Protein backbone atom coordinates (compact mmCIF):
# COMPACT_ATOMS: atom_id res chain seq x y z
CA UNK A 1 159.88 136.02 45.90
CA UNK A 2 156.51 137.02 47.28
CA UNK A 3 154.08 134.68 48.47
CA UNK A 4 150.91 134.28 46.68
CA UNK A 5 147.70 134.95 47.76
CA UNK A 6 147.66 131.13 48.80
CA UNK A 7 150.11 130.44 50.67
CA UNK A 8 149.63 134.53 52.60
CA UNK A 9 145.94 132.22 53.34
CA UNK A 10 147.40 129.63 54.51
CA UNK A 11 150.12 131.10 57.02
CA UNK A 12 147.99 133.28 58.16
CA UNK A 13 145.44 130.32 58.93
CA UNK A 14 148.08 128.37 60.59
CA UNK A 15 148.22 131.18 62.86
CA UNK A 16 145.33 131.84 63.26
CA UNK A 17 144.42 127.88 64.22
CA UNK A 18 147.90 128.16 66.46
CA UNK A 19 146.53 131.15 68.02
CA UNK A 20 142.09 129.56 68.95
CA UNK A 21 143.98 126.05 70.42
CA UNK A 22 146.27 128.62 72.63
CA UNK A 23 143.26 130.69 73.93
CA UNK A 24 140.59 127.90 74.49
CA UNK A 25 144.03 125.26 76.78
CA UNK A 26 144.11 128.61 78.28
CA UNK A 27 140.54 128.04 78.90
CA UNK A 28 141.39 125.39 80.13
CA UNK A 29 144.06 126.66 82.67
CA UNK A 30 141.42 129.26 84.05
CA UNK A 31 138.87 126.54 84.96
CA UNK A 32 141.62 124.33 86.67
CA UNK A 33 143.14 126.43 88.61
CA UNK A 34 139.97 128.36 89.71
CA UNK A 35 138.58 125.01 90.30
CA UNK A 36 141.06 123.69 92.56
CA UNK A 37 141.59 127.02 94.76
CA UNK A 38 137.87 126.74 94.65
CA UNK A 39 138.15 123.86 97.11
CA UNK A 40 141.58 123.41 98.10
CA UNK A 41 141.40 127.57 100.33
CA UNK A 42 137.68 126.88 101.19
CA UNK A 43 136.68 123.08 101.24
CA UNK A 44 134.32 123.34 104.30
CA UNK A 45 130.96 124.36 102.18
CA UNK A 46 131.82 121.13 99.76
CA UNK A 47 133.14 118.81 102.14
CA UNK A 48 129.75 119.28 104.79
CA UNK A 49 127.66 118.73 101.49
CA UNK A 50 129.76 115.36 100.59
CA UNK A 51 129.02 114.82 103.71
CA UNK A 52 125.57 114.49 103.88
CA UNK A 53 125.79 111.64 100.94
CA UNK A 54 127.80 109.54 104.22
CA UNK A 55 126.56 106.76 106.85
CA UNK A 56 126.64 108.80 110.12
CA UNK A 57 128.91 106.69 111.79
CA UNK A 58 132.18 107.26 108.78
CA UNK A 59 131.71 110.64 108.78
CA UNK A 60 134.41 111.79 111.07
CA UNK A 61 136.47 109.64 109.73
CA UNK A 62 135.21 111.12 106.01
CA UNK A 63 135.70 113.98 106.53
CA UNK A 64 139.19 113.36 108.18
CA UNK A 65 139.96 112.24 104.83
CA UNK A 66 138.33 115.00 102.71
CA UNK A 67 140.66 117.50 104.83
CA UNK A 68 143.34 116.23 104.35
CA UNK A 69 142.75 116.03 100.09
CA UNK A 70 142.65 119.87 100.60
CA UNK A 71 145.70 120.87 102.50
CA UNK A 72 147.02 118.33 99.88
CA UNK A 73 145.23 120.02 97.23
CA UNK A 74 146.49 123.29 97.99
CA UNK A 75 149.91 122.14 98.49
CA UNK A 76 149.85 120.65 94.67
CA UNK A 77 148.81 124.38 94.02
CA UNK A 78 151.52 125.78 95.59
CA UNK A 79 153.78 123.36 93.87
CA UNK A 80 152.37 124.89 90.65
CA UNK A 81 152.96 128.43 91.27
CA UNK A 82 156.79 128.26 92.27
CA UNK A 83 157.25 126.24 89.10
CA UNK A 84 155.48 128.93 87.28
CA UNK A 85 157.20 131.45 88.93
CA UNK A 86 160.23 130.26 88.21
CA UNK A 87 159.82 129.56 84.78
CA UNK A 88 158.67 132.66 83.90
CA UNK A 89 161.40 134.42 85.89
CA UNK A 90 164.12 133.11 83.85
CA UNK A 91 162.60 133.00 80.74
CA UNK A 92 162.74 136.64 80.90
CA UNK A 93 165.99 136.82 82.18
CA UNK A 94 167.17 134.39 79.74
CA UNK A 95 165.37 136.40 76.76
CA UNK A 96 166.58 139.38 77.94
CA UNK A 97 169.73 138.15 77.66
CA UNK A 98 169.53 136.78 74.03
CA UNK A 99 167.75 139.98 73.26
CA UNK A 100 164.30 138.82 72.24
CA UNK A 101 162.12 141.39 72.10
CA UNK A 102 159.25 141.09 73.95
CA UNK A 103 160.36 139.45 76.46
CA UNK A 104 158.75 139.91 79.39
CA UNK A 105 155.59 138.87 78.11
CA UNK A 106 156.86 135.53 76.25
CA UNK A 107 158.35 134.66 80.11
CA UNK A 108 154.85 135.43 80.68
CA UNK A 109 153.48 132.88 79.00
CA UNK A 110 156.09 130.62 79.12
CA UNK A 111 155.71 130.34 83.31
CA UNK A 112 151.54 129.95 82.29
CA UNK A 113 151.51 127.35 79.45
CA UNK A 114 154.58 125.42 82.04
CA UNK A 115 150.93 124.60 83.49
CA UNK A 116 149.66 122.13 80.59
CA UNK A 117 152.45 119.21 81.46
CA UNK A 118 154.67 118.15 78.30
CA UNK A 119 152.27 120.20 75.72
CA UNK A 120 152.72 123.13 77.78
CA UNK A 121 156.27 123.93 77.95
CA UNK A 122 155.94 123.41 73.60
CA UNK A 123 153.69 125.17 72.93
CA UNK A 124 155.18 127.82 75.48
CA UNK A 125 158.00 128.34 73.36
CA UNK A 126 157.13 128.99 69.92
CA UNK A 127 155.64 132.90 70.18
CA UNK A 128 158.79 133.47 71.67
CA UNK A 129 161.01 131.41 68.55
CA UNK A 130 159.01 133.23 66.08
CA UNK A 131 159.82 136.76 67.49
CA UNK A 132 162.95 135.11 67.33
CA UNK A 133 163.48 134.41 64.33
CA UNK A 134 162.71 137.78 62.60
CA UNK A 135 165.43 139.46 64.59
CA UNK A 136 167.44 136.52 63.04
CA UNK A 137 169.26 133.37 61.90
CA UNK A 138 170.91 134.12 65.18
CA UNK A 139 168.22 134.94 67.72
CA UNK A 140 166.94 132.38 67.42
CA UNK A 141 169.49 130.36 67.38
CA UNK A 142 170.56 132.29 71.42
CA UNK A 143 166.04 131.45 72.05
CA UNK A 144 165.36 128.60 71.32
CA UNK A 145 168.98 127.71 74.33
CA UNK A 146 167.32 129.56 76.21
CA UNK A 147 164.28 127.33 76.20
CA UNK A 148 165.76 124.27 76.44
CA UNK A 149 168.22 125.37 79.08
CA UNK A 150 165.32 126.73 81.34
CA UNK A 151 163.11 123.22 80.15
CA UNK A 152 165.79 121.22 81.62
CA UNK A 153 166.49 123.31 84.84
CA UNK A 154 162.51 123.00 85.41
CA UNK A 155 163.01 118.87 84.38
CA UNK A 156 165.88 118.00 87.09
CA UNK A 157 166.05 120.83 89.33
CA UNK A 158 162.87 122.80 89.93
CA UNK A 159 160.62 120.01 90.20
CA UNK A 160 162.30 117.69 92.20
CA UNK A 161 162.92 120.16 94.49
CA UNK A 162 159.62 121.66 94.95
CA UNK A 163 158.21 118.28 95.18
CA UNK A 164 160.28 117.09 97.93
CA UNK A 165 158.97 120.46 100.33
CA UNK A 166 155.32 119.46 98.60
CA UNK A 167 154.34 117.13 97.10
CA UNK A 168 155.82 113.93 96.50
CA UNK A 169 154.34 111.11 93.64
CA UNK A 170 156.24 108.64 91.51
CA UNK A 171 156.62 110.58 88.29
CA UNK A 172 155.28 107.09 86.45
CA UNK A 173 152.26 107.03 87.85
CA UNK A 174 152.12 110.78 87.08
CA UNK A 175 152.78 109.82 83.48
CA UNK A 176 150.93 106.99 83.40
CA UNK A 177 148.11 109.62 84.92
CA UNK A 178 148.47 112.07 82.47
CA UNK A 179 148.16 109.20 79.59
CA UNK A 180 144.66 107.47 79.90
CA UNK A 181 143.63 110.91 81.19
CA UNK A 182 144.01 112.90 78.26
CA UNK A 183 143.19 109.57 76.02
CA UNK A 184 139.09 110.16 77.83
CA UNK A 185 139.14 113.82 77.96
CA UNK A 186 141.95 115.55 75.73
CA UNK A 187 143.16 118.44 77.08
CA UNK A 188 140.80 119.38 80.36
CA UNK A 189 142.19 116.05 81.69
CA UNK A 190 145.87 116.12 81.41
CA UNK A 191 144.86 119.73 83.06
CA UNK A 192 143.53 117.46 86.53
CA UNK A 193 145.26 114.27 86.07
CA UNK A 194 148.23 115.19 88.35
CA UNK A 195 145.60 117.05 91.58
CA UNK A 196 143.15 114.18 91.12
CA UNK A 197 145.99 111.38 90.70
CA UNK A 198 147.23 113.21 94.57
CA UNK A 199 144.29 113.35 95.73
CA UNK A 200 143.32 109.48 94.38
CA UNK A 201 146.69 109.08 96.87
CA UNK A 202 145.10 110.27 99.63
CA UNK A 203 142.04 108.16 99.59
CA UNK A 204 143.53 105.15 98.91
CA UNK A 205 146.09 105.35 101.07
CA UNK A 206 143.62 106.61 104.33
CA UNK A 207 140.88 103.97 103.54
CA UNK A 208 142.95 100.35 101.49
CA UNK A 209 146.05 101.25 103.64
CA UNK A 210 145.09 102.41 106.68
CA UNK A 211 141.31 101.10 107.52
CA UNK A 212 141.07 97.97 104.95
CA UNK A 213 144.47 96.46 105.26
CA UNK A 214 145.61 98.31 108.86
CA UNK A 215 148.83 98.93 107.76
CA UNK A 216 149.91 103.22 109.53
CA UNK A 217 150.88 104.82 107.10
CA UNK A 218 151.25 108.78 106.54
CA UNK A 219 148.03 110.24 104.30
CA UNK A 220 148.77 114.08 104.11
């Protein structure tokens, strides 16, 4: 039977609510990326400003650690970009094979939202599944298989390979940081949890493990 006015309004409200949440998340992702890029690509201006707050005797050491932090952030951004690109390509190819409309656009959405830990892949898959279901239940099933396969490849192949070559962090520490930052600051906290944890590891290794405890450690 056709949908009544109240049912149609409810569906419209859910769709617009999801679109609004997606837009807010996209804005947060863009803000975090821009901030990280500014510091990673051109850290000199920020480092000089921070060094004004540090005693002169410690300036050289602090500058060294800040530059190591900038390198770590650059490598983290590189790893994220590689993972997002591969997820976008694999999703686009898989959805094309499954004859899902707008495969390229859906692949771009999946790749971009992969920047958001945990929730990003789910949010990136929802538009594709809805569009695929509009073409028939079998197309929807094929699309679901594509998203599951890409997600598994990302978790078990792409991410380990990328982390091994760029910034390697203990998975349990990353999960803990994401949970804590997410509870404290919401979606923006989830976005910044991993890069801030990577930078914090540099500082802990340099200032505490190396300088305080006197143990040799590679901070880069």
